[in-house]
Amino acid sequence: MAITDWIGSSAATLTTTAFIPQAWKIWRTRHTADISLVMYALFTLGVALWLIYGILIASWPIIIANSITLLLAGMVLAMKIKFG
């Protein structure tokens, strides 16, 4: 594995798994008052665009990482909308 692949894979893993604790905490507590709806809406849209970009250039690391991140960020956004 080239150093660039290792760095990219590490970055994708870290930024993707970073959402798990937040999503889990919101799921358990149903508390979203301190989360910005605008920030999560913009972030989720940005991740969706990264996913489309990854598909267009056929980059599996970008596709996989952003698919998972989109799912997690989308869950947080949905819980923010649902739980207020």
N, C-alpha and C. Protein backbone atom coordinates (compact mmCIF):
# COMPACT_ATOMS: atom_id res chain seq x y z
N MET A 1 0.85 -1.18 0.00
CA MET A 1 0.00 0.00 0.00
C MET A 1 0.90 1.23 0.00
N ALA A 2 0.65 2.12 -0.93
CA ALA A 2 1.43 3.36 -1.02
C ALA A 2 1.08 4.28 0.14
N ILE A 3 1.99 5.15 0.47
CA ILE A 3 1.77 6.08 1.59
C ILE A 3 0.53 6.94 1.35
N THR A 4 0.28 7.33 0.11
CA THR A 4 -0.90 8.15 -0.17
C THR A 4 -2.18 7.35 0.08
N ASP A 5 -2.18 6.08 -0.26
CA ASP A 5 -3.34 5.23 0.03
C ASP A 5 -3.53 5.05 1.52
N TRP A 6 -2.44 4.88 2.24
CA TRP A 6 -2.51 4.71 3.69
C TRP A 6 -3.05 5.98 4.35
N ILE A 7 -2.56 7.13 3.93
CA ILE A 7 -3.03 8.40 4.49
C ILE A 7 -4.50 8.60 4.17
N GLY A 8 -4.89 8.37 2.93
CA GLY A 8 -6.29 8.53 2.54
C GLY A 8 -7.21 7.58 3.28
N SER A 9 -6.80 6.33 3.41
CA SER A 9 -7.62 5.35 4.14
C SER A 9 -7.73 5.70 5.62
N SER A 10 -6.63 6.14 6.20
CA SER A 10 -6.65 6.54 7.62
C SER A 10 -7.55 7.74 7.83
N ALA A 11 -7.44 8.74 6.96
CA ALA A 11 -8.29 9.93 7.06
C ALA A 11 -9.76 9.56 6.92
N ALA A 12 -10.08 8.73 5.95
CA ALA A 12 -11.46 8.31 5.73
C ALA A 12 -12.00 7.55 6.94
N THR A 13 -11.20 6.67 7.50
CA THR A 13 -11.62 5.90 8.67
C THR A 13 -11.88 6.81 9.87
N LEU A 14 -10.95 7.72 10.13
CA LEU A 14 -11.10 8.61 11.28
C LEU A 14 -12.29 9.56 11.14
N THR A 15 -12.42 10.19 9.99
CA THR A 15 -13.52 11.14 9.83
C THR A 15 -14.88 10.45 9.78
N THR A 16 -14.92 9.24 9.30
CA THR A 16 -16.17 8.49 9.27
C THR A 16 -16.56 8.00 10.65
N THR A 17 -15.63 7.40 11.36
CA THR A 17 -15.96 6.86 12.70
C THR A 17 -16.18 7.97 13.73
N ALA A 18 -15.74 9.17 13.44
CA ALA A 18 -15.94 10.28 14.36
C ALA A 18 -17.43 10.56 14.61
N PHE A 19 -18.28 10.20 13.68
CA PHE A 19 -19.71 10.45 13.83
C PHE A 19 -20.43 9.42 14.69
N ILE A 20 -19.83 8.28 14.90
CA ILE A 20 -20.51 7.22 15.66
C ILE A 20 -20.83 7.64 17.09
N PRO A 21 -19.91 8.21 17.85
CA PRO A 21 -20.26 8.61 19.22
C PRO A 21 -21.38 9.65 19.28
N GLN A 22 -21.38 10.61 18.36
CA GLN A 22 -22.44 11.63 18.35
C GLN A 22 -23.79 11.02 18.03
N ALA A 23 -23.84 10.20 17.00
CA ALA A 23 -25.10 9.55 16.63
C ALA A 23 -25.61 8.66 17.76
N TRP A 24 -24.72 7.92 18.39
CA TRP A 24 -25.11 7.04 19.49
C TRP A 24 -25.62 7.84 20.68
N LYS A 25 -24.94 8.93 21.01
CA LYS A 25 -25.36 9.76 22.15
C LYS A 25 -26.75 10.35 21.91
N ILE A 26 -26.98 10.84 20.72
CA ILE A 26 -28.30 11.41 20.41
C ILE A 26 -29.37 10.33 20.44
N TRP A 27 -29.04 9.17 19.92
CA TRP A 27 -30.00 8.07 19.92
C TRP A 27 -30.40 7.70 21.35
N ARG A 28 -29.40 7.67 22.25
CA ARG A 28 -29.68 7.30 23.64
C ARG A 28 -30.41 8.39 24.40
N THR A 29 -29.99 9.65 24.24
CA THR A 29 -30.53 10.74 25.06
C THR A 29 -31.70 11.47 24.44
N ARG A 30 -31.83 11.40 23.12
CA ARG A 30 -32.84 12.15 22.36
C ARG A 30 -32.65 13.67 22.54
N HIS A 31 -31.45 14.09 22.91
CA HIS A 31 -31.15 15.50 23.15
C HIS A 31 -30.35 16.06 21.98
N THR A 32 -30.92 17.05 21.31
CA THR A 32 -30.24 17.64 20.15
C THR A 32 -30.20 19.16 20.22
N ALA A 33 -30.55 19.74 21.35
CA ALA A 33 -30.65 21.20 21.46
C ALA A 33 -29.33 21.90 21.13
N ASP A 34 -28.21 21.31 21.44
CA ASP A 34 -26.92 21.95 21.22
C ASP A 34 -26.33 21.71 19.84
N ILE A 35 -27.07 21.04 18.98
CA ILE A 35 -26.58 20.74 17.63
C ILE A 35 -27.22 21.71 16.65
N SER A 36 -26.41 22.28 15.79
CA SER A 36 -26.89 23.24 14.79
C SER A 36 -27.54 22.51 13.62
N LEU A 37 -28.82 22.82 13.39
CA LEU A 37 -29.54 22.23 12.27
C LEU A 37 -28.92 22.67 10.94
N VAL A 38 -28.59 23.95 10.83
CA VAL A 38 -28.01 24.46 9.59
C VAL A 38 -26.66 23.78 9.31
N MET A 39 -25.83 23.64 10.33
CA MET A 39 -24.53 23.01 10.14
C MET A 39 -24.68 21.58 9.66
N TYR A 40 -25.55 20.81 10.29
CA TYR A 40 -25.72 19.41 9.89
C TYR A 40 -26.37 19.29 8.52
N ALA A 41 -27.28 20.20 8.18
CA ALA A 41 -27.90 20.17 6.85
C ALA A 41 -26.84 20.45 5.79
N LEU A 42 -26.02 21.48 6.00
CA LEU A 42 -24.97 21.81 5.04
C LEU A 42 -23.92 20.70 4.96
N PHE A 43 -23.55 20.16 6.11
CA PHE A 43 -22.56 19.09 6.13
C PHE A 43 -23.06 17.86 5.40
N THR A 44 -24.30 17.48 5.66
CA THR A 44 -24.88 16.31 5.01
C THR A 44 -24.95 16.50 3.50
N LEU A 45 -25.32 17.70 3.06
CA LEU A 45 -25.32 18.00 1.63
C LEU A 45 -23.91 17.91 1.06
N GLY A 46 -22.93 18.43 1.78
CA GLY A 46 -21.54 18.35 1.33
C GLY A 46 -21.06 16.91 1.21
N VAL A 47 -21.40 16.09 2.16
CA VAL A 47 -21.02 14.67 2.11
C VAL A 47 -21.70 13.98 0.92
N ALA A 48 -22.95 14.32 0.67
CA ALA A 48 -23.65 13.75 -0.49
C ALA A 48 -22.93 14.13 -1.78
N LEU A 49 -22.48 15.37 -1.86
CA LEU A 49 -21.74 15.80 -3.05
C LEU A 49 -20.40 15.10 -3.17
N TRP A 50 -19.71 14.88 -2.03
CA TRP A 50 -18.45 14.11 -2.06
C TRP A 50 -18.72 12.69 -2.55
N LEU A 51 -19.83 12.11 -2.13
CA LEU A 51 -20.19 10.77 -2.57
C LEU A 51 -20.41 10.75 -4.09
N ILE A 52 -21.14 11.72 -4.59
CA ILE A 52 -21.37 11.81 -6.04
C ILE A 52 -20.04 11.97 -6.76
N TYR A 53 -19.17 12.81 -6.24
CA TYR A 53 -17.84 13.00 -6.83
C TYR A 53 -17.08 11.68 -6.86
N GLY A 54 -17.09 10.96 -5.76
CA GLY A 54 -16.41 9.67 -5.70
C GLY A 54 -16.95 8.69 -6.72
N ILE A 55 -18.27 8.70 -6.90
CA ILE A 55 -18.88 7.82 -7.90
C ILE A 55 -18.43 8.24 -9.31
N LEU A 56 -18.43 9.53 -9.56
CA LEU A 56 -18.05 10.02 -10.89
C LEU A 56 -16.61 9.70 -11.26
N ILE A 57 -15.71 9.71 -10.26
CA ILE A 57 -14.31 9.39 -10.56
C ILE A 57 -13.97 7.94 -10.24
N ALA A 58 -14.98 7.18 -9.81
CA ALA A 58 -14.84 5.75 -9.50
C ALA A 58 -13.76 5.50 -8.45
N SER A 59 -13.81 6.28 -7.37
CA SER A 59 -12.84 6.12 -6.28
C SER A 59 -13.52 5.41 -5.11
N TRP A 60 -13.21 4.12 -4.94
CA TRP A 60 -13.87 3.33 -3.89
C TRP A 60 -13.61 3.85 -2.49
N PRO A 61 -12.41 4.33 -2.14
CA PRO A 61 -12.24 4.88 -0.79
C PRO A 61 -13.17 6.07 -0.53
N ILE A 62 -13.33 6.94 -1.52
CA ILE A 62 -14.23 8.10 -1.36
C ILE A 62 -15.68 7.63 -1.30
N ILE A 63 -16.03 6.67 -2.13
CA ILE A 63 -17.41 6.16 -2.16
C ILE A 63 -17.77 5.49 -0.83
N ILE A 64 -16.92 4.62 -0.35
CA ILE A 64 -17.21 3.88 0.88
C ILE A 64 -17.26 4.83 2.08
N ALA A 65 -16.23 5.66 2.23
CA ALA A 65 -16.19 6.56 3.38
C ALA A 65 -17.37 7.51 3.39
N ASN A 66 -17.70 8.09 2.25
CA ASN A 66 -18.78 9.06 2.22
C ASN A 66 -20.15 8.41 2.27
N SER A 67 -20.28 7.17 1.84
CA SER A 67 -21.55 6.45 2.01
C SER A 67 -21.84 6.25 3.49
N ILE A 68 -20.84 5.81 4.23
CA ILE A 68 -21.02 5.59 5.66
C ILE A 68 -21.23 6.91 6.39
N THR A 69 -20.42 7.93 6.04
CA THR A 69 -20.56 9.23 6.68
C THR A 69 -21.92 9.84 6.38
N LEU A 70 -22.40 9.69 5.15
CA LEU A 70 -23.72 10.20 4.79
C LEU A 70 -24.80 9.53 5.62
N LEU A 71 -24.69 8.24 5.81
CA LEU A 71 -25.65 7.52 6.63
C LEU A 71 -25.65 8.05 8.06
N LEU A 72 -24.46 8.19 8.65
CA LEU A 72 -24.36 8.65 10.04
C LEU A 72 -24.79 10.11 10.18
N ALA A 73 -24.30 10.98 9.30
CA ALA A 73 -24.68 12.40 9.37
C ALA A 73 -26.18 12.56 9.09
N GLY A 74 -26.69 11.76 8.17
CA GLY A 74 -28.12 11.79 7.89
C GLY A 74 -28.95 11.36 9.08
N MET A 75 -28.45 10.37 9.81
CA MET A 75 -29.13 9.95 11.04
C MET A 75 -29.16 11.07 12.06
N VAL A 76 -28.02 11.72 12.25
CA VAL A 76 -27.96 12.84 13.20
C VAL A 76 -28.91 13.96 12.75
N LEU A 77 -28.90 14.28 11.49
CA LEU A 77 -29.78 15.33 10.96
C LEU A 77 -31.25 14.94 11.16
N ALA A 78 -31.60 13.71 10.86
CA ALA A 78 -32.98 13.25 11.05
C ALA A 78 -33.40 13.31 12.52
N MET A 79 -32.48 12.92 13.41
CA MET A 79 -32.80 12.98 14.85
C MET A 79 -32.92 14.41 15.31
N LYS A 80 -32.10 15.32 14.76
CA LYS A 80 -32.21 16.74 15.10
C LYS A 80 -33.57 17.26 14.71
N ILE A 81 -34.02 16.90 13.51
CA ILE A 81 -35.33 17.34 13.05
C ILE A 81 -36.44 16.71 13.89
N LYS A 82 -36.31 15.44 14.20
CA LYS A 82 -37.35 14.74 14.96
C LYS A 82 -37.41 15.16 16.43
N PHE A 83 -36.26 15.25 17.07
CA PHE A 83 -36.23 15.51 18.51
C PHE A 83 -36.07 16.99 18.84
N GLY A 84 -35.81 17.80 17.82
CA GLY A 84 -35.75 19.25 18.00
C GLY A 84 -34.52 19.72 18.65
